[in-house]
């Protein structure tokens, strides 16, 4: 796995919101004896990526205006939870019939998918892929993805290999920072335990849903920090020509780990949609 997980060689992964009435109309209606409407399960794909609205590239800026462009970014994710509406119990939903299915966990308010996965935050792809996950149709309040440090052999297919940047870390980012001397490479590797949350409004999985698309705005990640002046003052160490942001002096620059943790835990967008016709899936 480690030999195949080169930054430039990730597979590309690939969500339209339908109404609850459309879901119940397609999936079955309330019966005269008061039984719940049918809630069939269907296979969907899942993607999670960083975005920077208004830009074609992934740009983070610190509070001084120094721009950091992300070229590659990966996290290790442990579990994916689909949170049910208030008062609804997972135990009342149709049972999972596939090993690649969201099923009831210890908490009755959610469907859970157990990982782990390496997630490419540029392409959105999960490794191993989440291309045909079986999810019950209906409404969900939000989606949660638990991010934690990886270790060799974790995941069904051993998604983290020996020497992988995520062996012992949960986030690995590479890119360039715009300095007076031109673009300079930077790296950021952190071992965080954080839950990324998606869904500012109800998420509907309908009978035409093929894709759950999760996006998180990367722009606020560094806005509380003073990394530009810190780099100029030598307070951000360089290893093999790469600025290591995780090793920046906290007193002078601010706490990089806390800032990134805050960005990852901020509520992102979740959309349920049909698969684009031009998809490579």
C-alpha atoms as a PDB file:
ATOM      1  CA  UNK A   1       0.000   0.000   0.000  1.00  0.00           C
ATOM      2  CA  UNK A   2       2.703   2.478   0.933  1.00  0.00           C
ATOM      3  CA  UNK A   3       4.352   2.099  -2.465  1.00  0.00           C
ATOM      4  CA  UNK A   4       1.060   2.844  -4.226  1.00  0.00           C
ATOM      5  CA  UNK A   5       0.050   5.853  -2.124  1.00  0.00           C
ATOM      6  CA  UNK A   6       2.161   8.497  -3.858  1.00  0.00           C
ATOM      7  CA  UNK A   7       0.887  12.047  -3.464  1.00  0.00           C
ATOM      8  CA  UNK A   8       0.413  12.581  -7.161  1.00  0.00           C
ATOM      9  CA  UNK A   9      -1.058   9.144  -7.829  1.00  0.00           C
ATOM     10  CA  UNK A  10      -4.238   9.125  -5.802  1.00  0.00           C
ATOM     11  CA  UNK A  11      -7.370   7.813  -7.450  1.00  0.00           C
ATOM     12  CA  UNK A  12     -10.011  10.484  -8.027  1.00  0.00           C
ATOM     13  CA  UNK A  13     -13.256  10.040  -6.156  1.00  0.00           C
ATOM     14  CA  UNK A  14     -16.385  11.784  -6.838  1.00  0.00           C
ATOM     15  CA  UNK A  15     -23.691  14.589  -3.655  1.00  0.00           C
ATOM     16  CA  UNK A  16     -28.972  16.966  -5.467  1.00  0.00           C
ATOM     17  CA  UNK A  17     -30.978  17.370  -2.369  1.00  0.00           C
ATOM     18  CA  UNK A  18     -34.378  15.643  -2.731  1.00  0.00           C
ATOM     19  CA  UNK A  19     -37.381  16.339  -0.572  1.00  0.00           C
ATOM     20  CA  UNK A  20     -38.588  14.072   2.179  1.00  0.00           C
ATOM     21  CA  UNK A  21     -41.893  13.759   0.321  1.00  0.00           C
ATOM     22  CA  UNK A  22     -40.053  12.430  -2.698  1.00  0.00           C
ATOM     23  CA  UNK A  23     -38.310   9.874  -0.521  1.00  0.00           C
ATOM     24  CA  UNK A  24     -41.500   8.569   1.064  1.00  0.00           C
ATOM     25  CA  UNK A  25     -43.300   8.644  -2.273  1.00  0.00           C
ATOM     26  CA  UNK A  26     -40.679   6.459  -3.911  1.00  0.00           C
ATOM     27  CA  UNK A  27     -39.905   4.251  -0.938  1.00  0.00           C
ATOM     28  CA  UNK A  28     -43.465   3.498   0.149  1.00  0.00           C
ATOM     29  CA  UNK A  29     -46.252   5.280   2.013  1.00  0.00           C
ATOM     30  CA  UNK A  30     -47.735   5.175   5.497  1.00  0.00           C
ATOM     31  CA  UNK A  31     -50.070   2.192   5.852  1.00  0.00           C
ATOM     32  CA  UNK A  32     -53.513   2.283   7.345  1.00  0.00           C
ATOM     33  CA  UNK A  33     -52.468   0.369  10.448  1.00  0.00           C
ATOM     34  CA  UNK A  34     -49.917   3.024  11.475  1.00  0.00           C
ATOM     35  CA  UNK A  35     -46.790   1.148  10.350  1.00  0.00           C
ATOM     36  CA  UNK A  36     -43.685   3.131   9.469  1.00  0.00           C
ATOM     37  CA  UNK A  37     -43.108   3.840   5.758  1.00  0.00           C
ATOM     38  CA  UNK A  38     -40.562   1.629   4.048  1.00  0.00           C
ATOM     39  CA  UNK A  39     -36.933   2.773   4.314  1.00  0.00           C
ATOM     40  CA  UNK A  40     -35.000   0.776   1.720  1.00  0.00           C
ATOM     41  CA  UNK A  41     -31.226   0.792   1.631  1.00  0.00           C
ATOM     42  CA  UNK A  42     -29.209   1.773  -1.397  1.00  0.00           C
ATOM     43  CA  UNK A  43     -25.526   1.846  -2.371  1.00  0.00           C
ATOM     44  CA  UNK A  44     -23.821   5.253  -2.457  1.00  0.00           C
ATOM     45  CA  UNK A  45     -20.296   6.618  -2.750  1.00  0.00           C
ATOM     46  CA  UNK A  46     -18.728   8.971  -0.198  1.00  0.00           C
ATOM     47  CA  UNK A  47     -16.191  11.751  -0.790  1.00  0.00           C
ATOM     48  CA  UNK A  48     -14.581  14.274   1.554  1.00  0.00           C
ATOM     49  CA  UNK A  49     -12.495  17.161   0.287  1.00  0.00           C
ATOM     50  CA  UNK A  50     -11.190  20.550   1.264  1.00  0.00           C
ATOM     51  CA  UNK A  51     -12.511  23.593  -0.602  1.00  0.00           C
ATOM     52  CA  UNK A  52     -11.685  27.300  -0.706  1.00  0.00           C
ATOM     53  CA  UNK A  53     -14.863  28.951  -2.038  1.00  0.00           C
ATOM     54  CA  UNK A  54     -14.177  31.586  -4.667  1.00  0.00           C
ATOM     55  CA  UNK A  55     -10.827  30.082  -5.636  1.00  0.00           C
ATOM     56  CA  UNK A  56      -9.737  27.404  -8.070  1.00  0.00           C
ATOM     57  CA  UNK A  57      -6.925  26.404  -5.712  1.00  0.00           C
ATOM     58  CA  UNK A  58      -6.684  25.479  -2.034  1.00  0.00           C
ATOM     59  CA  UNK A  59      -5.306  28.646  -0.447  1.00  0.00           C
ATOM     60  CA  UNK A  60      -4.927  29.259   3.288  1.00  0.00           C
ATOM     61  CA  UNK A  61      -3.810  32.677   4.512  1.00  0.00           C
ATOM     62  CA  UNK A  62      -2.505  33.679   7.925  1.00  0.00           C
ATOM     63  CA  UNK A  63      -3.595  36.910   9.604  1.00  0.00           C
ATOM     64  CA  UNK A  64      -0.738  38.770   7.928  1.00  0.00           C
ATOM     65  CA  UNK A  65      -1.944  37.749   4.463  1.00  0.00           C
ATOM     66  CA  UNK A  66       0.777  35.185   3.766  1.00  0.00           C
ATOM     67  CA  UNK A  67      -0.657  32.601   1.358  1.00  0.00           C
ATOM     68  CA  UNK A  68      -0.164  28.857   1.731  1.00  0.00           C
ATOM     69  CA  UNK A  69      -1.288  26.776  -1.248  1.00  0.00           C
ATOM     70  CA  UNK A  70      -2.133  23.125  -0.554  1.00  0.00           C
ATOM     71  CA  UNK A  71      -0.979  20.670  -3.198  1.00  0.00           C
ATOM     72  CA  UNK A  72      -1.613  17.408  -1.307  1.00  0.00           C
ATOM     73  CA  UNK A  73      -3.463  16.639   1.924  1.00  0.00           C
ATOM     74  CA  UNK A  74      -4.446  13.394   3.639  1.00  0.00           C
ATOM     75  CA  UNK A  75      -6.140  12.368   6.888  1.00  0.00           C
ATOM     76  CA  UNK A  76      -6.631   9.031   8.590  1.00  0.00           C
ATOM     77  CA  UNK A  77     -10.325   8.500   9.434  1.00  0.00           C
ATOM     78  CA  UNK A  78     -11.562   5.868  11.860  1.00  0.00           C
ATOM     79  CA  UNK A  79     -15.402   5.891  11.693  1.00  0.00           C
ATOM     80  CA  UNK A  80     -18.180   7.545   9.669  1.00  0.00           C
ATOM     81  CA  UNK A  81     -21.477   8.261  11.477  1.00  0.00           C
ATOM     82  CA  UNK A  82     -24.805   9.329   9.949  1.00  0.00           C
ATOM     83  CA  UNK A  83     -26.807  11.066  12.696  1.00  0.00           C
ATOM     84  CA  UNK A  84     -30.575  10.433  12.688  1.00  0.00           C
ATOM     85  CA  UNK A  85     -33.219  13.102  13.358  1.00  0.00           C
ATOM     86  CA  UNK A  86     -34.092  13.748  16.998  1.00  0.00           C
ATOM     87  CA  UNK A  87     -36.301  11.020  18.446  1.00  0.00           C
ATOM     88  CA  UNK A  88     -35.547   8.454  15.737  1.00  0.00           C
ATOM     89  CA  UNK A  89     -33.769   5.236  16.688  1.00  0.00           C
ATOM     90  CA  UNK A  90     -31.412   3.240  14.526  1.00  0.00           C
ATOM     91  CA  UNK A  91     -32.987   0.042  15.868  1.00  0.00           C
ATOM     92  CA  UNK A  92     -36.200   0.822  13.935  1.00  0.00           C
ATOM     93  CA  UNK A  93     -34.408   1.001  10.573  1.00  0.00           C
ATOM     94  CA  UNK A  94     -34.066  -1.900   8.104  1.00  0.00           C
ATOM     95  CA  UNK A  95     -31.254  -4.251   8.997  1.00  0.00           C
ATOM     96  CA  UNK A  96     -28.030  -4.126   7.020  1.00  0.00           C
ATOM     97  CA  UNK A  97     -27.737  -6.890   4.442  1.00  0.00           C
ATOM     98  CA  UNK A  98     -24.261  -6.165   3.123  1.00  0.00           C
ATOM     99  CA  UNK A  99     -20.839  -6.174   4.779  1.00  0.00           C
ATOM    100  CA  UNK A 100     -20.315  -2.748   3.143  1.00  0.00           C
ATOM    101  CA  UNK A 101     -23.180  -1.160   5.053  1.00  0.00           C
ATOM    102  CA  UNK A 102     -23.904   1.480   7.654  1.00  0.00           C
ATOM    103  CA  UNK A 103     -25.233  -0.373  10.700  1.00  0.00           C
ATOM    104  CA  UNK A 104     -26.408   0.429  14.218  1.00  0.00           C
ATOM    105  CA  UNK A 105     -23.603   1.060  16.678  1.00  0.00           C
ATOM    106  CA  UNK A 106     -23.585   1.494  20.439  1.00  0.00           C
ATOM    107  CA  UNK A 107     -25.442   4.828  20.131  1.00  0.00           C
ATOM    108  CA  UNK A 108     -29.021   4.492  18.864  1.00  0.00           C
ATOM    109  CA  UNK A 109     -29.099   7.929  17.228  1.00  0.00           C
ATOM    110  CA  UNK A 110     -26.730   6.999  14.402  1.00  0.00           C
ATOM    111  CA  UNK A 111     -25.761   4.639  11.644  1.00  0.00           C
ATOM    112  CA  UNK A 112     -22.058   3.805  11.795  1.00  0.00           C
ATOM    113  CA  UNK A 113     -19.524   2.732   9.179  1.00  0.00           C
ATOM    114  CA  UNK A 114     -16.272   1.399  10.612  1.00  0.00           C
ATOM    115  CA  UNK A 115     -12.961   2.263   8.902  1.00  0.00           C
ATOM    116  CA  UNK A 116     -10.236   3.065   8.808  1.00  0.00           C
ATOM    117  CA  UNK A 117      -9.427   4.961   5.673  1.00  0.00           C
ATOM    118  CA  UNK A 118      -6.812   7.289   4.302  1.00  0.00           C
ATOM    119  CA  UNK A 119      -8.783  10.190   2.824  1.00  0.00           C
ATOM    120  CA  UNK A 120      -7.322  12.313   0.033  1.00  0.00           C
ATOM    121  CA  UNK A 121      -8.571  15.816   0.887  1.00  0.00           C
ATOM    122  CA  UNK A 122      -7.801  17.114  -2.611  1.00  0.00           C
ATOM    123  CA  UNK A 123      -9.542  14.460  -4.730  1.00  0.00           C
ATOM    124  CA  UNK A 124     -12.040  13.416  -2.032  1.00  0.00           C
ATOM    125  CA  UNK A 125     -11.264   9.725  -2.405  1.00  0.00           C
ATOM    126  CA  UNK A 126     -11.296   7.219   0.459  1.00  0.00           C
ATOM    127  CA  UNK A 127      -8.695   4.449   0.550  1.00  0.00           C
ATOM    128  CA  UNK A 128     -10.003   1.724   0.730  1.00  0.00           C
ATOM    129  CA  UNK A 129     -12.788   3.143  -1.463  1.00  0.00           C
ATOM    130  CA  UNK A 130     -16.269   3.965  -0.169  1.00  0.00           C
ATOM    131  CA  UNK A 131     -17.851   3.502  -3.599  1.00  0.00           C
ATOM    132  CA  UNK A 132     -20.827   1.278  -2.783  1.00  0.00           C
ATOM    133  CA  UNK A 133     -21.621   1.847   0.858  1.00  0.00           C
ATOM    134  CA  UNK A 134     -25.129   0.653   1.727  1.00  0.00           C
ATOM    135  CA  UNK A 135     -27.139   3.445   3.412  1.00  0.00           C
ATOM    136  CA  UNK A 136     -30.822   3.528   4.348  1.00  0.00           C
ATOM    137  CA  UNK A 137     -32.862   6.167   2.512  1.00  0.00           C
ATOM    138  CA  UNK A 138     -34.229   9.033   4.564  1.00  0.00           C
ATOM    139  CA  UNK A 139     -33.238  12.139   6.518  1.00  0.00           C
ATOM    140  CA  UNK A 140     -30.050  12.699   8.513  1.00  0.00           C
ATOM    141  CA  UNK A 141     -29.180  15.664  10.727  1.00  0.00           C
ATOM    142  CA  UNK A 142     -25.463  15.556   9.997  1.00  0.00           C
ATOM    143  CA  UNK A 143     -22.520  13.324   9.174  1.00  0.00           C
ATOM    144  CA  UNK A 144     -19.505  12.919  11.457  1.00  0.00           C
ATOM    145  CA  UNK A 145     -16.066  11.604  10.532  1.00  0.00           C
ATOM    146  CA  UNK A 146     -13.692  10.708  13.360  1.00  0.00           C
ATOM    147  CA  UNK A 147     -10.063  11.549  12.553  1.00  0.00           C
ATOM    148  CA  UNK A 148      -7.252  10.022  14.607  1.00  0.00           C
ATOM    149  CA  UNK A 149      -3.594   9.010  14.232  1.00  0.00           C
ATOM    150  CA  UNK A 150      -2.999   6.101  11.889  1.00  0.00           C
ATOM    151  CA  UNK A 151      -0.708   3.134  12.367  1.00  0.00           C
ATOM    152  CA  UNK A 152       0.747   0.503  10.114  1.00  0.00           C
ATOM    153  CA  UNK A 153      -1.781  -2.055   8.911  1.00  0.00           C
ATOM    154  CA  UNK A 154      -4.859  -0.086  10.036  1.00  0.00           C
ATOM    155  CA  UNK A 155      -7.946  -0.429   7.882  1.00  0.00           C
ATOM    156  CA  UNK A 156      -9.386  -3.398   5.989  1.00  0.00           C
ATOM    157  CA  UNK A 157      -6.656  -3.209   3.344  1.00  0.00           C
ATOM    158  CA  UNK A 158      -3.875  -1.878   5.538  1.00  0.00           C
ATOM    159  CA  UNK A 159      -4.398   1.702   4.333  1.00  0.00           C
ATOM    160  CA  UNK A 160      -1.380   2.972   6.298  1.00  0.00           C
ATOM    161  CA  UNK A 161       1.908   1.331   5.426  1.00  0.00           C
ATOM    162  CA  UNK A 162       5.415   1.324   6.865  1.00  0.00           C
ATOM    163  CA  UNK A 163       7.030   4.719   6.362  1.00  0.00           C
ATOM    164  CA  UNK A 164       3.735   6.366   5.419  1.00  0.00           C
ATOM    165  CA  UNK A 165       3.392   9.989   6.652  1.00  0.00           C
ATOM    166  CA  UNK A 166       0.198   8.940   8.472  1.00  0.00           C
ATOM    167  CA  UNK A 167       1.956   6.201  10.425  1.00  0.00           C
ATOM    168  CA  UNK A 168       1.482   7.796  13.859  1.00  0.00           C
ATOM    169  CA  UNK A 169      -0.150  10.964  12.483  1.00  0.00           C
ATOM    170  CA  UNK A 170      -3.705  11.927  11.518  1.00  0.00           C
ATOM    171  CA  UNK A 171      -3.045  14.755   9.038  1.00  0.00           C
ATOM    172  CA  UNK A 172      -0.357  15.286   6.417  1.00  0.00           C
ATOM    173  CA  UNK A 173      -0.312  18.370   4.174  1.00  0.00           C
ATOM    174  CA  UNK A 174       2.173  19.499   1.512  1.00  0.00           C
ATOM    175  CA  UNK A 175       2.273  22.694  -0.534  1.00  0.00           C
ATOM    176  CA  UNK A 176       4.041  25.979  -1.117  1.00  0.00           C
ATOM    177  CA  UNK A 177       4.049  29.309   0.706  1.00  0.00           C
ATOM    178  CA  UNK A 178       4.392  32.622  -1.147  1.00  0.00           C
ATOM    179  CA  UNK A 179       7.504  34.379   0.153  1.00  0.00           C
ATOM    180  CA  UNK A 180       9.624  37.229  -1.218  1.00  0.00           C
ATOM    181  CA  UNK A 181      12.036  34.735  -2.725  1.00  0.00           C
ATOM    182  CA  UNK A 182       9.212  32.900  -4.516  1.00  0.00           C
ATOM    183  CA  UNK A 183       7.208  29.746  -3.712  1.00  0.00           C
ATOM    184  CA  UNK A 184       8.795  27.760  -0.883  1.00  0.00           C
ATOM    185  CA  UNK A 185       7.764  24.180   0.016  1.00  0.00           C
ATOM    186  CA  UNK A 186       6.033  23.610   3.348  1.00  0.00           C
ATOM    187  CA  UNK A 187       4.839  20.518   5.178  1.00  0.00           C
ATOM    188  CA  UNK A 188       2.401  20.007   8.041  1.00  0.00           C
ATOM    189  CA  UNK A 189       2.041  16.682   9.875  1.00  0.00           C
ATOM    190  CA  UNK A 190      -0.052  16.437  13.056  1.00  0.00           C
ATOM    191  CA  UNK A 191      -1.328  13.711  15.379  1.00  0.00           C
ATOM    192  CA  UNK A 192      -4.817  14.946  16.260  1.00  0.00           C
ATOM    193  CA  UNK A 193      -7.969  13.324  17.595  1.00  0.00           C
ATOM    194  CA  UNK A 194     -10.853  15.343  16.175  1.00  0.00           C
ATOM    195  CA  UNK A 195     -14.386  14.847  14.834  1.00  0.00           C
ATOM    196  CA  UNK A 196     -15.164  16.585  11.544  1.00  0.00           C
ATOM    197  CA  UNK A 197     -18.898  17.434  11.275  1.00  0.00           C
ATOM    198  CA  UNK A 198     -20.855  18.016   8.067  1.00  0.00           C
ATOM    199  CA  UNK A 199     -24.391  19.269   7.438  1.00  0.00           C
ATOM    200  CA  UNK A 200     -25.708  22.733   8.221  1.00  0.00           C
ATOM    201  CA  UNK A 201     -29.192  21.579   7.160  1.00  0.00           C
ATOM    202  CA  UNK A 202     -30.976  18.226   6.901  1.00  0.00           C
ATOM    203  CA  UNK A 203     -29.350  15.732   4.531  1.00  0.00           C
ATOM    204  CA  UNK A 204     -31.781  13.621   2.463  1.00  0.00           C
ATOM    205  CA  UNK A 205     -30.701  10.304   0.966  1.00  0.00           C
ATOM    206  CA  UNK A 206     -33.285   9.639  -1.766  1.00  0.00           C
ATOM    207  CA  UNK A 207     -33.863   6.816  -4.227  1.00  0.00           C
ATOM    208  CA  UNK A 208     -31.683   8.600  -6.809  1.00  0.00           C
ATOM    209  CA  UNK A 209     -28.797   9.409  -4.445  1.00  0.00           C
ATOM    210  CA  UNK A 210     -25.481   8.032  -5.650  1.00  0.00           C
ATOM    211  CA  UNK A 211     -23.031  10.221  -3.765  1.00  0.00           C
ATOM    212  CA  UNK A 212     -22.549  11.795  -0.336  1.00  0.00           C
ATOM    213  CA  UNK A 213     -20.274  14.778  -0.852  1.00  0.00           C
ATOM    214  CA  UNK A 214     -18.566  16.260   2.222  1.00  0.00           C
ATOM    215  CA  UNK A 215     -16.633  19.526   1.958  1.00  0.00           C
ATOM    216  CA  UNK A 216     -14.716  21.567   4.533  1.00  0.00           C
ATOM    217  CA  UNK A 217     -13.574  25.168   4.034  1.00  0.00           C
ATOM    218  CA  UNK A 218      -9.780  25.359   4.410  1.00  0.00           C
ATOM    219  CA  UNK A 219      -9.532  29.176   4.381  1.00  0.00           C
ATOM    220  CA  UNK A 220      -9.861  29.726   8.182  1.00  0.00           C
ATOM    221  CA  UNK A 221      -7.204  27.178   9.143  1.00  0.00           C
ATOM    222  CA  UNK A 222      -4.287  29.580   9.602  1.00  0.00           C
ATOM    223  CA  UNK A 223      -6.033  32.953   9.908  1.00  0.00           C
ATOM    224  CA  UNK A 224      -5.245  33.314  13.634  1.00  0.00           C
ATOM    225  CA  UNK A 225      -1.503  32.742  13.156  1.00  0.00           C
ATOM    226  CA  UNK A 226       1.489  34.935  12.264  1.00  0.00           C
ATOM    227  CA  UNK A 227       3.437  32.439  10.193  1.00  0.00           C
ATOM    228  CA  UNK A 228       4.730  34.854   7.550  1.00  0.00           C
ATOM    229  CA  UNK A 229       6.756  36.982   9.955  1.00  0.00           C
ATOM    230  CA  UNK A 230       7.754  33.845  11.882  1.00  0.00           C
ATOM    231  CA  UNK A 231       9.229  32.318   8.739  1.00  0.00           C
ATOM    232  CA  UNK A 232      11.134  35.541   8.028  1.00  0.00           C
ATOM    233  CA  UNK A 233      12.453  35.548  11.599  1.00  0.00           C
ATOM    234  CA  UNK A 234      13.578  31.925  11.421  1.00  0.00           C
ATOM    235  CA  UNK A 235      10.957  30.719  13.918  1.00  0.00           C
ATOM    236  CA  UNK A 236       9.732  27.994  11.524  1.00  0.00           C
ATOM    237  CA  UNK A 237      12.403  25.298  11.058  1.00  0.00           C
ATOM    238  CA  UNK A 238      13.334  23.873   7.671  1.00  0.00           C
ATOM    239  CA  UNK A 239      14.040  20.192   7.062  1.00  0.00           C
ATOM    240  CA  UNK A 240      15.532  19.200   3.690  1.00  0.00           C
ATOM    241  CA  UNK A 241      14.384  22.518   2.228  1.00  0.00           C
ATOM    242  CA  UNK A 242      10.797  22.157   3.488  1.00  0.00           C
ATOM    243  CA  UNK A 243       9.316  24.510   6.097  1.00  0.00           C
ATOM    244  CA  UNK A 244       7.799  22.394   8.892  1.00  0.00           C
ATOM    245  CA  UNK A 245       4.733  24.313  10.116  1.00  0.00           C
ATOM    246  CA  UNK A 246       4.000  21.891  12.967  1.00  0.00           C
ATOM    247  CA  UNK A 247       7.368  22.832  14.492  1.00  0.00           C
ATOM    248  CA  UNK A 248       6.753  26.601  14.396  1.00  0.00           C
ATOM    249  CA  UNK A 249       7.555  28.431  17.624  1.00  0.00           C
ATOM    250  CA  UNK A 250       4.221  28.639  19.477  1.00  0.00           C
ATOM    251  CA  UNK A 251       4.978  31.829  21.371  1.00  0.00           C
ATOM    252  CA  UNK A 252       5.975  33.765  18.266  1.00  0.00           C
ATOM    253  CA  UNK A 253       3.676  32.212  15.648  1.00  0.00           C
ATOM    254  CA  UNK A 254       0.659  30.834  17.504  1.00  0.00           C
ATOM    255  CA  UNK A 255      -0.414  27.241  18.068  1.00  0.00           C
ATOM    256  CA  UNK A 256      -0.599  25.573  14.649  1.00  0.00           C
ATOM    257  CA  UNK A 257      -2.058  22.306  16.001  1.00  0.00           C
ATOM    258  CA  UNK A 258      -4.917  24.080  17.812  1.00  0.00           C
ATOM    259  CA  UNK A 259      -5.709  26.232  14.776  1.00  0.00           C
ATOM    260  CA  UNK A 260      -5.884  23.236  12.447  1.00  0.00           C
ATOM    261  CA  UNK A 261      -7.906  21.214  14.985  1.00  0.00           C
ATOM    262  CA  UNK A 262     -10.410  24.081  15.100  1.00  0.00           C
ATOM    263  CA  UNK A 263     -10.611  24.113  11.306  1.00  0.00           C
ATOM    264  CA  UNK A 264     -11.173  20.375  11.045  1.00  0.00           C
ATOM    265  CA  UNK A 265     -13.901  20.386  13.712  1.00  0.00           C
ATOM    266  CA  UNK A 266     -15.814  23.308  12.133  1.00  0.00           C
ATOM    267  CA  UNK A 267     -19.124  22.314  10.525  1.00  0.00           C
ATOM    268  CA  UNK A 268     -18.712  21.657   6.808  1.00  0.00           C
ATOM    269  CA  UNK A 269     -21.172  21.103   3.981  1.00  0.00           C
ATOM    270  CA  UNK A 270     -22.842  17.770   3.173  1.00  0.00           C
ATOM    271  CA  UNK A 271     -24.804  17.104   0.003  1.00  0.00           C
ATOM    272  CA  UNK A 272     -26.619  14.017  -1.235  1.00  0.00           C
ATOM    273  CA  UNK A 273     -26.706  13.935  -5.020  1.00  0.00           C
ATOM    274  CA  UNK A 274     -26.729  11.780  -8.118  1.00  0.00           C
ATOM    275  CA  UNK A 275     -23.390  10.885  -9.634  1.00  0.00           C
ATOM    276  CA  UNK A 276     -22.146  13.296 -12.343  1.00  0.00           C
ATOM    277  CA  UNK A 277     -22.313  11.784 -15.812  1.00  0.00           C
ATOM    278  CA  UNK A 278     -18.618  12.521 -16.410  1.00  0.00           C
ATOM    279  CA  UNK A 279     -17.544  10.610 -13.261  1.00  0.00           C
ATOM    280  CA  UNK A 280     -14.782   8.042 -13.662  1.00  0.00           C
ATOM    281  CA  UNK A 281     -16.552   5.590 -11.383  1.00  0.00           C
END
